[in-house]
Protein backbone atom coordinates (compact mmCIF):
# COMPACT_ATOMS: atom_id res chain seq x y z
CA UNK A 1 0.00 0.00 0.00
CA UNK A 2 1.54 3.37 -1.01
CA UNK A 3 2.32 5.85 1.72
CA UNK A 4 0.13 8.93 1.92
CA UNK A 5 1.76 12.09 0.56
CA UNK A 6 2.27 14.86 3.06
CA UNK A 7 0.73 18.26 2.33
CA UNK A 8 4.21 19.60 1.49
CA UNK A 9 4.90 16.78 -0.96
CA UNK A 10 1.54 17.28 -2.61
CA UNK A 11 2.20 21.02 -2.96
CA UNK A 12 5.65 20.32 -4.43
CA UNK A 13 4.18 17.87 -6.93
CA UNK A 14 1.48 20.35 -7.94
CA UNK A 15 4.02 23.14 -8.42
CA UNK A 16 6.24 20.81 -10.45
CA UNK A 17 3.33 19.86 -12.70
CA UNK A 18 2.78 23.51 -13.66
CA UNK A 19 6.44 24.50 -13.93
CA UNK A 20 6.99 25.59 -17.55
CA UNK A 21 10.63 24.46 -17.34
CA UNK A 22 9.48 20.88 -16.75
CA UNK A 23 7.25 20.88 -19.82
CA UNK A 24 9.83 22.65 -22.00
CA UNK A 25 12.55 20.25 -20.84
CA UNK A 26 10.36 17.29 -21.78
CA UNK A 27 9.63 18.83 -25.19
CA UNK A 28 13.30 19.65 -25.86
CA UNK A 29 14.31 16.12 -24.86
CA UNK A 30 11.72 14.63 -27.24
CA UNK A 31 13.14 16.74 -30.08
CA UNK A 32 16.66 15.65 -29.12
CA UNK A 33 15.62 11.99 -29.14
CA UNK A 34 14.18 12.38 -32.63
CA UNK A 35 17.29 14.04 -34.08
CA UNK A 36 19.67 11.72 -32.20
CA UNK A 37 18.23 8.80 -34.12
CA UNK A 38 18.69 10.46 -37.52
CA UNK A 39 22.45 9.89 -37.76
CA UNK A 40 25.36 7.92 -36.43
CA UNK A 41 27.16 8.27 -33.15
CA UNK A 42 30.32 10.04 -34.31
CA UNK A 43 31.20 13.67 -33.59
CA UNK A 44 29.92 14.87 -36.97
CA UNK A 45 26.51 13.21 -36.46
CA UNK A 46 26.30 14.69 -32.96
CA UNK A 47 27.09 18.16 -34.31
CA UNK A 48 24.41 17.78 -36.98
CA UNK A 49 21.87 16.68 -34.36
CA UNK A 50 22.65 19.63 -32.08
CA UNK A 51 22.39 22.05 -35.02
CA UNK A 52 19.08 20.50 -36.12
CA UNK A 53 17.65 20.73 -32.58
CA UNK A 54 18.67 24.39 -32.26
CA UNK A 55 17.21 25.10 -35.71
CA UNK A 56 13.93 23.43 -34.71
CA UNK A 57 13.73 25.51 -31.53
CA UNK A 58 14.29 28.72 -33.48
CA UNK A 59 11.77 27.84 -36.19
CA UNK A 60 8.96 26.35 -34.13
CA UNK A 61 9.21 27.63 -30.56
CA UNK A 62 7.79 30.97 -29.52
CA UNK A 63 10.46 33.44 -28.32
CA UNK A 64 8.98 33.22 -24.81
CA UNK A 65 9.52 29.45 -24.81
CA UNK A 66 13.13 29.92 -25.92
CA UNK A 67 13.71 32.51 -23.17
CA UNK A 68 12.25 30.15 -20.56
CA UNK A 69 14.38 27.17 -21.65
CA UNK A 70 17.49 29.39 -21.74
CA UNK A 71 16.67 30.59 -18.21
CA UNK A 72 16.29 26.96 -17.17
CA UNK A 73 19.71 26.21 -18.66
CA UNK A 74 21.20 29.21 -16.84
CA UNK A 75 19.79 27.77 -13.61
CA UNK A 76 21.57 24.48 -14.26
CA UNK A 77 19.45 22.85 -16.96
CA UNK A 78 18.27 19.98 -14.76
CA UNK A 79 16.80 17.14 -16.77
CA UNK A 80 17.96 18.32 -20.20
CA UNK A 81 19.35 15.65 -22.52
CA UNK A 82 22.99 16.46 -23.41
CA UNK A 83 22.06 17.13 -27.05
CA UNK A 84 19.18 19.40 -26.02
CA UNK A 85 21.42 21.16 -23.51
CA UNK A 86 24.02 21.92 -26.20
CA UNK A 87 21.32 23.10 -28.61
CA UNK A 88 19.74 25.42 -26.02
CA UNK A 89 23.20 26.83 -25.25
CA UNK A 90 23.42 27.90 -28.92
CA UNK A 91 20.22 29.91 -28.87
CA UNK A 92 20.77 33.65 -29.19
CA UNK A 93 18.76 36.31 -27.44
C-alpha atoms as a PDB file:
ATOM      1  CA  UNK A   1       0.000   0.000   0.000  1.00  0.00           C
ATOM      2  CA  UNK A   2       1.544   3.366  -1.006  1.00  0.00           C
ATOM      3  CA  UNK A   3       2.316   5.855   1.716  1.00  0.00           C
ATOM      4  CA  UNK A   4       0.130   8.934   1.923  1.00  0.00           C
ATOM      5  CA  UNK A   5       1.761  12.085   0.562  1.00  0.00           C
ATOM      6  CA  UNK A   6       2.270  14.863   3.056  1.00  0.00           C
ATOM      7  CA  UNK A   7       0.733  18.261   2.332  1.00  0.00           C
ATOM      8  CA  UNK A   8       4.207  19.601   1.487  1.00  0.00           C
ATOM      9  CA  UNK A   9       4.899  16.777  -0.956  1.00  0.00           C
ATOM     10  CA  UNK A  10       1.540  17.283  -2.610  1.00  0.00           C
ATOM     11  CA  UNK A  11       2.196  21.015  -2.962  1.00  0.00           C
ATOM     12  CA  UNK A  12       5.654  20.325  -4.428  1.00  0.00           C
ATOM     13  CA  UNK A  13       4.176  17.873  -6.925  1.00  0.00           C
ATOM     14  CA  UNK A  14       1.479  20.351  -7.941  1.00  0.00           C
ATOM     15  CA  UNK A  15       4.021  23.142  -8.419  1.00  0.00           C
ATOM     16  CA  UNK A  16       6.244  20.806 -10.448  1.00  0.00           C
ATOM     17  CA  UNK A  17       3.326  19.858 -12.703  1.00  0.00           C
ATOM     18  CA  UNK A  18       2.777  23.515 -13.660  1.00  0.00           C
ATOM     19  CA  UNK A  19       6.439  24.503 -13.933  1.00  0.00           C
ATOM     20  CA  UNK A  20       6.992  25.586 -17.551  1.00  0.00           C
ATOM     21  CA  UNK A  21      10.631  24.462 -17.341  1.00  0.00           C
ATOM     22  CA  UNK A  22       9.478  20.884 -16.746  1.00  0.00           C
ATOM     23  CA  UNK A  23       7.254  20.882 -19.822  1.00  0.00           C
ATOM     24  CA  UNK A  24       9.826  22.646 -22.003  1.00  0.00           C
ATOM     25  CA  UNK A  25      12.551  20.253 -20.838  1.00  0.00           C
ATOM     26  CA  UNK A  26      10.362  17.290 -21.775  1.00  0.00           C
ATOM     27  CA  UNK A  27       9.629  18.825 -25.186  1.00  0.00           C
ATOM     28  CA  UNK A  28      13.304  19.645 -25.857  1.00  0.00           C
ATOM     29  CA  UNK A  29      14.306  16.116 -24.858  1.00  0.00           C
ATOM     30  CA  UNK A  30      11.719  14.628 -27.240  1.00  0.00           C
ATOM     31  CA  UNK A  31      13.139  16.736 -30.079  1.00  0.00           C
ATOM     32  CA  UNK A  32      16.662  15.648 -29.115  1.00  0.00           C
ATOM     33  CA  UNK A  33      15.620  11.994 -29.137  1.00  0.00           C
ATOM     34  CA  UNK A  34      14.177  12.383 -32.633  1.00  0.00           C
ATOM     35  CA  UNK A  35      17.288  14.035 -34.075  1.00  0.00           C
ATOM     36  CA  UNK A  36      19.669  11.723 -32.198  1.00  0.00           C
ATOM     37  CA  UNK A  37      18.230   8.799 -34.116  1.00  0.00           C
ATOM     38  CA  UNK A  38      18.692  10.460 -37.519  1.00  0.00           C
ATOM     39  CA  UNK A  39      22.453   9.893 -37.759  1.00  0.00           C
ATOM     40  CA  UNK A  40      25.355   7.923 -36.426  1.00  0.00           C
ATOM     41  CA  UNK A  41      27.156   8.265 -33.149  1.00  0.00           C
ATOM     42  CA  UNK A  42      30.320  10.036 -34.306  1.00  0.00           C
ATOM     43  CA  UNK A  43      31.197  13.671 -33.595  1.00  0.00           C
ATOM     44  CA  UNK A  44      29.917  14.871 -36.970  1.00  0.00           C
ATOM     45  CA  UNK A  45      26.510  13.210 -36.460  1.00  0.00           C
ATOM     46  CA  UNK A  46      26.302  14.694 -32.956  1.00  0.00           C
ATOM     47  CA  UNK A  47      27.092  18.160 -34.310  1.00  0.00           C
ATOM     48  CA  UNK A  48      24.410  17.782 -36.979  1.00  0.00           C
ATOM     49  CA  UNK A  49      21.875  16.683 -34.359  1.00  0.00           C
ATOM     50  CA  UNK A  50      22.651  19.635 -32.082  1.00  0.00           C
ATOM     51  CA  UNK A  51      22.393  22.054 -35.017  1.00  0.00           C
ATOM     52  CA  UNK A  52      19.075  20.504 -36.116  1.00  0.00           C
ATOM     53  CA  UNK A  53      17.650  20.733 -32.585  1.00  0.00           C
ATOM     54  CA  UNK A  54      18.669  24.393 -32.263  1.00  0.00           C
ATOM     55  CA  UNK A  55      17.205  25.102 -35.711  1.00  0.00           C
ATOM     56  CA  UNK A  56      13.934  23.433 -34.706  1.00  0.00           C
ATOM     57  CA  UNK A  57      13.726  25.508 -31.526  1.00  0.00           C
ATOM     58  CA  UNK A  58      14.286  28.720 -33.480  1.00  0.00           C
ATOM     59  CA  UNK A  59      11.771  27.842 -36.195  1.00  0.00           C
ATOM     60  CA  UNK A  60       8.964  26.348 -34.126  1.00  0.00           C
ATOM     61  CA  UNK A  61       9.211  27.628 -30.557  1.00  0.00           C
ATOM     62  CA  UNK A  62       7.791  30.972 -29.519  1.00  0.00           C
ATOM     63  CA  UNK A  63      10.460  33.440 -28.324  1.00  0.00           C
ATOM     64  CA  UNK A  64       8.983  33.222 -24.809  1.00  0.00           C
ATOM     65  CA  UNK A  65       9.520  29.452 -24.811  1.00  0.00           C
ATOM     66  CA  UNK A  66      13.131  29.919 -25.917  1.00  0.00           C
ATOM     67  CA  UNK A  67      13.707  32.506 -23.168  1.00  0.00           C
ATOM     68  CA  UNK A  68      12.253  30.146 -20.561  1.00  0.00           C
ATOM     69  CA  UNK A  69      14.375  27.173 -21.647  1.00  0.00           C
ATOM     70  CA  UNK A  70      17.494  29.391 -21.736  1.00  0.00           C
ATOM     71  CA  UNK A  71      16.671  30.588 -18.213  1.00  0.00           C
ATOM     72  CA  UNK A  72      16.293  26.958 -17.169  1.00  0.00           C
ATOM     73  CA  UNK A  73      19.712  26.205 -18.665  1.00  0.00           C
ATOM     74  CA  UNK A  74      21.203  29.210 -16.841  1.00  0.00           C
ATOM     75  CA  UNK A  75      19.789  27.774 -13.610  1.00  0.00           C
ATOM     76  CA  UNK A  76      21.573  24.476 -14.259  1.00  0.00           C
ATOM     77  CA  UNK A  77      19.453  22.845 -16.958  1.00  0.00           C
ATOM     78  CA  UNK A  78      18.265  19.983 -14.757  1.00  0.00           C
ATOM     79  CA  UNK A  79      16.795  17.143 -16.772  1.00  0.00           C
ATOM     80  CA  UNK A  80      17.964  18.317 -20.197  1.00  0.00           C
ATOM     81  CA  UNK A  81      19.348  15.654 -22.517  1.00  0.00           C
ATOM     82  CA  UNK A  82      22.990  16.459 -23.409  1.00  0.00           C
ATOM     83  CA  UNK A  83      22.061  17.130 -27.051  1.00  0.00           C
ATOM     84  CA  UNK A  84      19.178  19.397 -26.023  1.00  0.00           C
ATOM     85  CA  UNK A  85      21.421  21.157 -23.513  1.00  0.00           C
ATOM     86  CA  UNK A  86      24.024  21.925 -26.198  1.00  0.00           C
ATOM     87  CA  UNK A  87      21.316  23.101 -28.607  1.00  0.00           C
ATOM     88  CA  UNK A  88      19.744  25.421 -26.020  1.00  0.00           C
ATOM     89  CA  UNK A  89      23.200  26.825 -25.252  1.00  0.00           C
ATOM     90  CA  UNK A  90      23.424  27.899 -28.924  1.00  0.00           C
ATOM     91  CA  UNK A  91      20.221  29.914 -28.866  1.00  0.00           C
ATOM     92  CA  UNK A  92      20.767  33.646 -29.191  1.00  0.00           C
ATOM     93  CA  UNK A  93      18.755  36.313 -27.435  1.00  0.00           C
END
